[in-house]
């Protein structure tokens, strides 16, 4: 068994996140997207100039 002192910060954060998800679950699990929303997403994806990368989101949000 791994001891906490041997974990990296990332490993510990991951374990905590997994435990929270296990306890609380995903409130959106089993829900379906409405057709109107799917169509809107498809339209947005066609305009690549408005897309931002994951790295940019992380920079902006932290």
PDB file of N, CA and C in Angstrom:
ATOM      1  N   UNK A   1       0.842  -1.181   0.000  1.00  0.00           N
ATOM      2  CA  UNK A   1       0.000   0.000   0.000  1.00  0.00           C
ATOM      3  C   UNK A   1       0.887   1.245   0.000  1.00  0.00           C
ATOM      4  N   UNK A   2       0.528   2.221  -0.820  1.00  0.00           N
ATOM      5  CA  UNK A   2       1.289   3.459  -0.938  1.00  0.00           C
ATOM      6  C   UNK A   2       0.962   4.372   0.238  1.00  0.00           C
ATOM      7  N   UNK A   3       1.972   5.032   0.742  1.00  0.00           N
ATOM      8  CA  UNK A   3       1.779   5.979   1.836  1.00  0.00           C
ATOM      9  C   UNK A   3       1.620   7.376   1.259  1.00  0.00           C
ATOM     10  N   UNK A   4       0.844   8.196   1.934  1.00  0.00           N
ATOM     11  CA  UNK A   4       0.595   9.555   1.469  1.00  0.00           C
ATOM     12  C   UNK A   4       1.896  10.318   1.265  1.00  0.00           C
ATOM     13  N   UNK A   5       2.845  10.120   2.143  1.00  0.00           N
ATOM     14  CA  UNK A   5       4.117  10.850   2.032  1.00  0.00           C
ATOM     15  C   UNK A   5       4.863  10.524   0.742  1.00  0.00           C
ATOM     16  N   UNK A   6       4.527   9.395   0.102  1.00  0.00           N
ATOM     17  CA  UNK A   6       5.196   8.989  -1.133  1.00  0.00           C
ATOM     18  C   UNK A   6       4.477   9.486  -2.392  1.00  0.00           C
ATOM     19  N   UNK A   7       3.318  10.119  -2.226  1.00  0.00           N
ATOM     20  CA  UNK A   7       2.545  10.596  -3.369  1.00  0.00           C
ATOM     21  C   UNK A   7       3.021  11.971  -3.819  1.00  0.00           C
ATOM     22  N   UNK A   8       2.882  12.217  -5.111  1.00  0.00           N
ATOM     23  CA  UNK A   8       3.112  13.571  -5.611  1.00  0.00           C
ATOM     24  C   UNK A   8       1.854  14.388  -5.343  1.00  0.00           C
ATOM     25  N   UNK A   9       1.957  15.693  -5.483  1.00  0.00           N
ATOM     26  CA  UNK A   9       0.789  16.556  -5.307  1.00  0.00           C
ATOM     27  C   UNK A   9      -0.288  16.178  -6.324  1.00  0.00           C
ATOM     28  N   UNK A  10       0.122  15.931  -7.563  1.00  0.00           N
ATOM     29  CA  UNK A  10      -0.834  15.545  -8.605  1.00  0.00           C
ATOM     30  C   UNK A  10      -1.534  14.234  -8.259  1.00  0.00           C
ATOM     31  N   UNK A  11      -0.783  13.265  -7.747  1.00  0.00           N
ATOM     32  CA  UNK A  11      -1.377  11.982  -7.361  1.00  0.00           C
ATOM     33  C   UNK A  11      -2.415  12.181  -6.263  1.00  0.00           C
ATOM     34  N   UNK A  12      -2.075  12.992  -5.270  1.00  0.00           N
ATOM     35  CA  UNK A  12      -2.983  13.234  -4.156  1.00  0.00           C
ATOM     36  C   UNK A  12      -4.236  13.967  -4.628  1.00  0.00           C
ATOM     37  N   UNK A  13      -4.059  14.979  -5.472  1.00  0.00           N
ATOM     38  CA  UNK A  13      -5.216  15.696  -6.016  1.00  0.00           C
ATOM     39  C   UNK A  13      -6.125  14.748  -6.788  1.00  0.00           C
ATOM     40  N   UNK A  14      -5.536  13.867  -7.581  1.00  0.00           N
ATOM     41  CA  UNK A  14      -6.316  12.904  -8.353  1.00  0.00           C
ATOM     42  C   UNK A  14      -7.104  11.982  -7.429  1.00  0.00           C
ATOM     43  N   UNK A  15      -6.465  11.476  -6.398  1.00  0.00           N
ATOM     44  CA  UNK A  15      -7.152  10.586  -5.457  1.00  0.00           C
ATOM     45  C   UNK A  15      -8.313  11.288  -4.764  1.00  0.00           C
ATOM     46  N   UNK A  16      -8.096  12.532  -4.372  1.00  0.00           N
ATOM     47  CA  UNK A  16      -9.164  13.296  -3.720  1.00  0.00           C
ATOM     48  C   UNK A  16     -10.319  13.511  -4.688  1.00  0.00           C
ATOM     49  N   UNK A  17     -10.004  13.892  -5.916  1.00  0.00           N
ATOM     50  CA  UNK A  17     -11.042  14.104  -6.922  1.00  0.00           C
ATOM     51  C   UNK A  17     -11.841  12.826  -7.162  1.00  0.00           C
ATOM     52  N   UNK A  18     -11.159  11.703  -7.279  1.00  0.00           N
ATOM     53  CA  UNK A  18     -11.840  10.433  -7.506  1.00  0.00           C
ATOM     54  C   UNK A  18     -12.754  10.071  -6.340  1.00  0.00           C
ATOM     55  N   UNK A  19     -12.302  10.322  -5.121  1.00  0.00           N
ATOM     56  CA  UNK A  19     -13.109  10.010  -3.942  1.00  0.00           C
ATOM     57  C   UNK A  19     -14.346  10.901  -3.887  1.00  0.00           C
ATOM     58  N   UNK A  20     -14.189  12.186  -4.198  1.00  0.00           N
ATOM     59  CA  UNK A  20     -15.334  13.102  -4.213  1.00  0.00           C
ATOM     60  C   UNK A  20     -16.346  12.651  -5.257  1.00  0.00           C
ATOM     61  N   UNK A  21     -15.873  12.296  -6.453  1.00  0.00           N
ATOM     62  CA  UNK A  21     -16.780  11.809  -7.492  1.00  0.00           C
ATOM     63  C   UNK A  21     -17.476  10.523  -7.065  1.00  0.00           C
ATOM     64  N   UNK A  22     -16.752   9.657  -6.391  1.00  0.00           N
ATOM     65  CA  UNK A  22     -17.325   8.399  -5.916  1.00  0.00           C
ATOM     66  C   UNK A  22     -18.442   8.665  -4.911  1.00  0.00           C
ATOM     67  N   UNK A  23     -18.216   9.619  -4.016  1.00  0.00           N
ATOM     68  CA  UNK A  23     -19.197   9.909  -2.968  1.00  0.00           C
ATOM     69  C   UNK A  23     -20.386  10.692  -3.520  1.00  0.00           C
ATOM     70  N   UNK A  24     -20.110  11.751  -4.281  1.00  0.00           N
ATOM     71  CA  UNK A  24     -21.177  12.624  -4.760  1.00  0.00           C
ATOM     72  C   UNK A  24     -21.782  12.165  -6.075  1.00  0.00           C
ATOM     73  N   UNK A  25     -20.997  11.475  -6.867  1.00  0.00           N
ATOM     74  CA  UNK A  25     -21.468  11.044  -8.170  1.00  0.00           C
ATOM     75  C   UNK A  25     -21.515  12.200  -9.158  1.00  0.00           C
ATOM     76  N   UNK A  26     -21.933  11.908 -10.358  1.00  0.00           N
ATOM     77  CA  UNK A  26     -22.060  12.915 -11.405  1.00  0.00           C
ATOM     78  C   UNK A  26     -23.532  13.281 -11.536  1.00  0.00           C
ATOM     79  N   UNK A  27     -23.912  14.519 -11.189  1.00  0.00           N
ATOM     80  CA  UNK A  27     -25.326  14.893 -11.241  1.00  0.00           C
ATOM     81  C   UNK A  27     -25.910  14.859 -12.650  1.00  0.00           C
ATOM     82  N   UNK A  28     -25.056  14.905 -13.671  1.00  0.00           N
ATOM     83  CA  UNK A  28     -25.537  14.875 -15.051  1.00  0.00           C
ATOM     84  C   UNK A  28     -25.555  13.470 -15.641  1.00  0.00           C
ATOM     85  N   UNK A  29     -25.136  12.499 -14.859  1.00  0.00           N
ATOM     86  CA  UNK A  29     -25.077  11.128 -15.349  1.00  0.00           C
ATOM     87  C   UNK A  29     -26.460  10.653 -15.783  1.00  0.00           C
ATOM     88  N   UNK A  30     -26.518  10.101 -16.981  1.00  0.00           N
ATOM     89  CA  UNK A  30     -27.768   9.558 -17.487  1.00  0.00           C
ATOM     90  C   UNK A  30     -28.642  10.573 -18.208  1.00  0.00           C
ATOM     91  N   UNK A  31     -28.300  11.852 -18.121  1.00  0.00           N
ATOM     92  CA  UNK A  31     -29.089  12.873 -18.808  1.00  0.00           C
ATOM     93  C   UNK A  31     -28.678  12.944 -20.271  1.00  0.00           C
ATOM     94  N   UNK A  32     -29.605  13.353 -21.108  1.00  0.00           N
ATOM     95  CA  UNK A  32     -29.330  13.471 -22.537  1.00  0.00           C
ATOM     96  C   UNK A  32     -29.369  14.935 -22.945  1.00  0.00           C
ATOM     97  N   UNK A  33     -28.586  15.279 -23.964  1.00  0.00           N
ATOM     98  CA  UNK A  33     -28.609  16.639 -24.490  1.00  0.00           C
ATOM     99  C   UNK A  33     -29.821  16.808 -25.396  1.00  0.00           C
ATOM    100  N   UNK A  34     -30.448  17.987 -25.322  1.00  0.00           N
ATOM    101  CA  UNK A  34     -31.582  18.282 -26.201  1.00  0.00           C
ATOM    102  C   UNK A  34     -31.066  18.444 -27.627  1.00  0.00           C
ATOM    103  N   UNK A  35     -31.913  18.105 -28.589  1.00  0.00           N
ATOM    104  CA  UNK A  35     -31.532  18.210 -29.997  1.00  0.00           C
ATOM    105  C   UNK A  35     -31.139  19.638 -30.370  1.00  0.00           C
ATOM    106  N   UNK A  36     -31.852  20.636 -29.799  1.00  0.00           N
ATOM    107  CA  UNK A  36     -31.539  22.036 -30.098  1.00  0.00           C
ATOM    108  C   UNK A  36     -30.126  22.381 -29.624  1.00  0.00           C
ATOM    109  N   UNK A  37     -29.760  21.868 -28.465  1.00  0.00           N
ATOM    110  CA  UNK A  37     -28.436  22.137 -27.917  1.00  0.00           C
ATOM    111  C   UNK A  37     -27.362  21.465 -28.763  1.00  0.00           C
ATOM    112  N   UNK A  38     -27.624  20.235 -29.191  1.00  0.00           N
ATOM    113  CA  UNK A  38     -26.674  19.531 -30.056  1.00  0.00           C
ATOM    114  C   UNK A  38     -26.447  20.312 -31.348  1.00  0.00           C
ATOM    115  N   UNK A  39     -27.535  20.829 -31.925  1.00  0.00           N
ATOM    116  CA  UNK A  39     -27.429  21.598 -33.167  1.00  0.00           C
ATOM    117  C   UNK A  39     -26.612  22.869 -32.938  1.00  0.00           C
ATOM    118  N   UNK A  40     -26.834  23.527 -31.799  1.00  0.00           N
ATOM    119  CA  UNK A  40     -26.074  24.739 -31.484  1.00  0.00           C
ATOM    120  C   UNK A  40     -24.583  24.422 -31.339  1.00  0.00           C
ATOM    121  N   UNK A  41     -24.266  23.316 -30.696  1.00  0.00           N
ATOM    122  CA  UNK A  41     -22.864  22.916 -30.550  1.00  0.00           C
ATOM    123  C   UNK A  41     -22.222  22.663 -31.908  1.00  0.00           C
ATOM    124  N   UNK A  42     -22.948  21.985 -32.782  1.00  0.00           N
ATOM    125  CA  UNK A  42     -22.409  21.711 -34.121  1.00  0.00           C
ATOM    126  C   UNK A  42     -22.102  23.010 -34.863  1.00  0.00           C
ATOM    127  N   UNK A  43     -23.004  23.991 -34.742  1.00  0.00           N
ATOM    128  CA  UNK A  43     -22.787  25.283 -35.399  1.00  0.00           C
ATOM    129  C   UNK A  43     -21.568  25.991 -34.819  1.00  0.00           C
ATOM    130  N   UNK A  44     -21.426  25.946 -33.516  1.00  0.00           N
ATOM    131  CA  UNK A  44     -20.279  26.589 -32.875  1.00  0.00           C
ATOM    132  C   UNK A  44     -18.966  25.935 -33.300  1.00  0.00           C
ATOM    133  N   UNK A  45     -18.981  24.618 -33.462  1.00  0.00           N
ATOM    134  CA  UNK A  45     -17.764  23.907 -33.844  1.00  0.00           C
ATOM    135  C   UNK A  45     -17.330  24.232 -35.271  1.00  0.00           C
ATOM    136  N   UNK A  46     -18.269  24.676 -36.094  1.00  0.00           N
ATOM    137  CA  UNK A  46     -17.928  25.044 -37.470  1.00  0.00           C
ATOM    138  C   UNK A  46     -17.062  26.300 -37.507  1.00  0.00           C
ATOM    139  N   UNK A  47     -17.187  27.163 -36.503  1.00  0.00           N
ATOM    140  CA  UNK A  47     -16.433  28.417 -36.463  1.00  0.00           C
ATOM    141  C   UNK A  47     -15.187  28.233 -35.610  1.00  0.00           C
ATOM    142  N   UNK A  48     -14.111  27.792 -36.244  1.00  0.00           N
ATOM    143  CA  UNK A  48     -12.887  27.493 -35.499  1.00  0.00           C
ATOM    144  C   UNK A  48     -12.199  28.741 -34.953  1.00  0.00           C
ATOM    145  N   UNK A  49     -12.527  29.914 -35.467  1.00  0.00           N
ATOM    146  CA  UNK A  49     -11.866  31.133 -34.989  1.00  0.00           C
ATOM    147  C   UNK A  49     -12.251  31.471 -33.550  1.00  0.00           C
ATOM    148  N   UNK A  50     -13.361  30.959 -33.076  1.00  0.00           N
ATOM    149  CA  UNK A  50     -13.798  31.246 -31.709  1.00  0.00           C
ATOM    150  C   UNK A  50     -13.357  30.173 -30.720  1.00  0.00           C
ATOM    151  N   UNK A  51     -12.681  29.143 -31.191  1.00  0.00           N
ATOM    152  CA  UNK A  51     -12.215  28.083 -30.300  1.00  0.00           C
ATOM    153  C   UNK A  51     -10.955  28.519 -29.575  1.00  0.00           C
ATOM    154  N   UNK A  52     -10.815  28.038 -28.332  1.00  0.00           N
ATOM    155  CA  UNK A  52      -9.576  28.269 -27.600  1.00  0.00           C
ATOM    156  C   UNK A  52      -9.071  26.925 -27.089  1.00  0.00           C
ATOM    157  N   UNK A  53      -7.780  26.829 -26.957  1.00  0.00           N
ATOM    158  CA  UNK A  53      -7.167  25.566 -26.547  1.00  0.00           C
ATOM    159  C   UNK A  53      -7.368  25.314 -25.056  1.00  0.00           C
ATOM    160  N   UNK A  54      -7.162  24.074 -24.668  1.00  0.00           N
ATOM    161  CA  UNK A  54      -7.239  23.699 -23.252  1.00  0.00           C
ATOM    162  C   UNK A  54      -6.226  24.502 -22.447  1.00  0.00           C
ATOM    163  N   UNK A  55      -5.032  24.670 -22.989  1.00  0.00           N
ATOM    164  CA  UNK A  55      -3.991  25.429 -22.298  1.00  0.00           C
ATOM    165  C   UNK A  55      -4.423  26.874 -22.062  1.00  0.00           C
ATOM    166  N   UNK A  56      -5.112  27.460 -23.035  1.00  0.00           N
ATOM    167  CA  UNK A  56      -5.582  28.838 -22.886  1.00  0.00           C
ATOM    168  C   UNK A  56      -6.659  28.924 -21.803  1.00  0.00           C
ATOM    169  N   UNK A  57      -7.534  27.940 -21.754  1.00  0.00           N
ATOM    170  CA  UNK A  57      -8.560  27.910 -20.704  1.00  0.00           C
ATOM    171  C   UNK A  57      -7.896  27.834 -19.338  1.00  0.00           C
ATOM    172  N   UNK A  58      -6.912  26.973 -19.199  1.00  0.00           N
ATOM    173  CA  UNK A  58      -6.202  26.828 -17.925  1.00  0.00           C
ATOM    174  C   UNK A  58      -5.531  28.143 -17.547  1.00  0.00           C
ATOM    175  N   UNK A  59      -4.931  28.824 -18.531  1.00  0.00           N
ATOM    176  CA  UNK A  59      -4.284  30.110 -18.252  1.00  0.00           C
ATOM    177  C   UNK A  59      -5.296  31.141 -17.757  1.00  0.00           C
ATOM    178  N   UNK A  60      -6.457  31.177 -18.400  1.00  0.00           N
ATOM    179  CA  UNK A  60      -7.468  32.178 -18.051  1.00  0.00           C
ATOM    180  C   UNK A  60      -8.163  31.874 -16.727  1.00  0.00           C
ATOM    181  N   UNK A  61      -8.462  30.606 -16.503  1.00  0.00           N
ATOM    182  CA  UNK A  61      -9.256  30.223 -15.334  1.00  0.00           C
ATOM    183  C   UNK A  61      -8.389  29.830 -14.149  1.00  0.00           C
ATOM    184  N   UNK A  62      -7.261  29.241 -14.457  1.00  0.00           N
ATOM    185  CA  UNK A  62      -6.338  28.874 -13.379  1.00  0.00           C
ATOM    186  C   UNK A  62      -6.441  27.479 -12.908  1.00  0.00           C
TER     187      UNK A  62
END
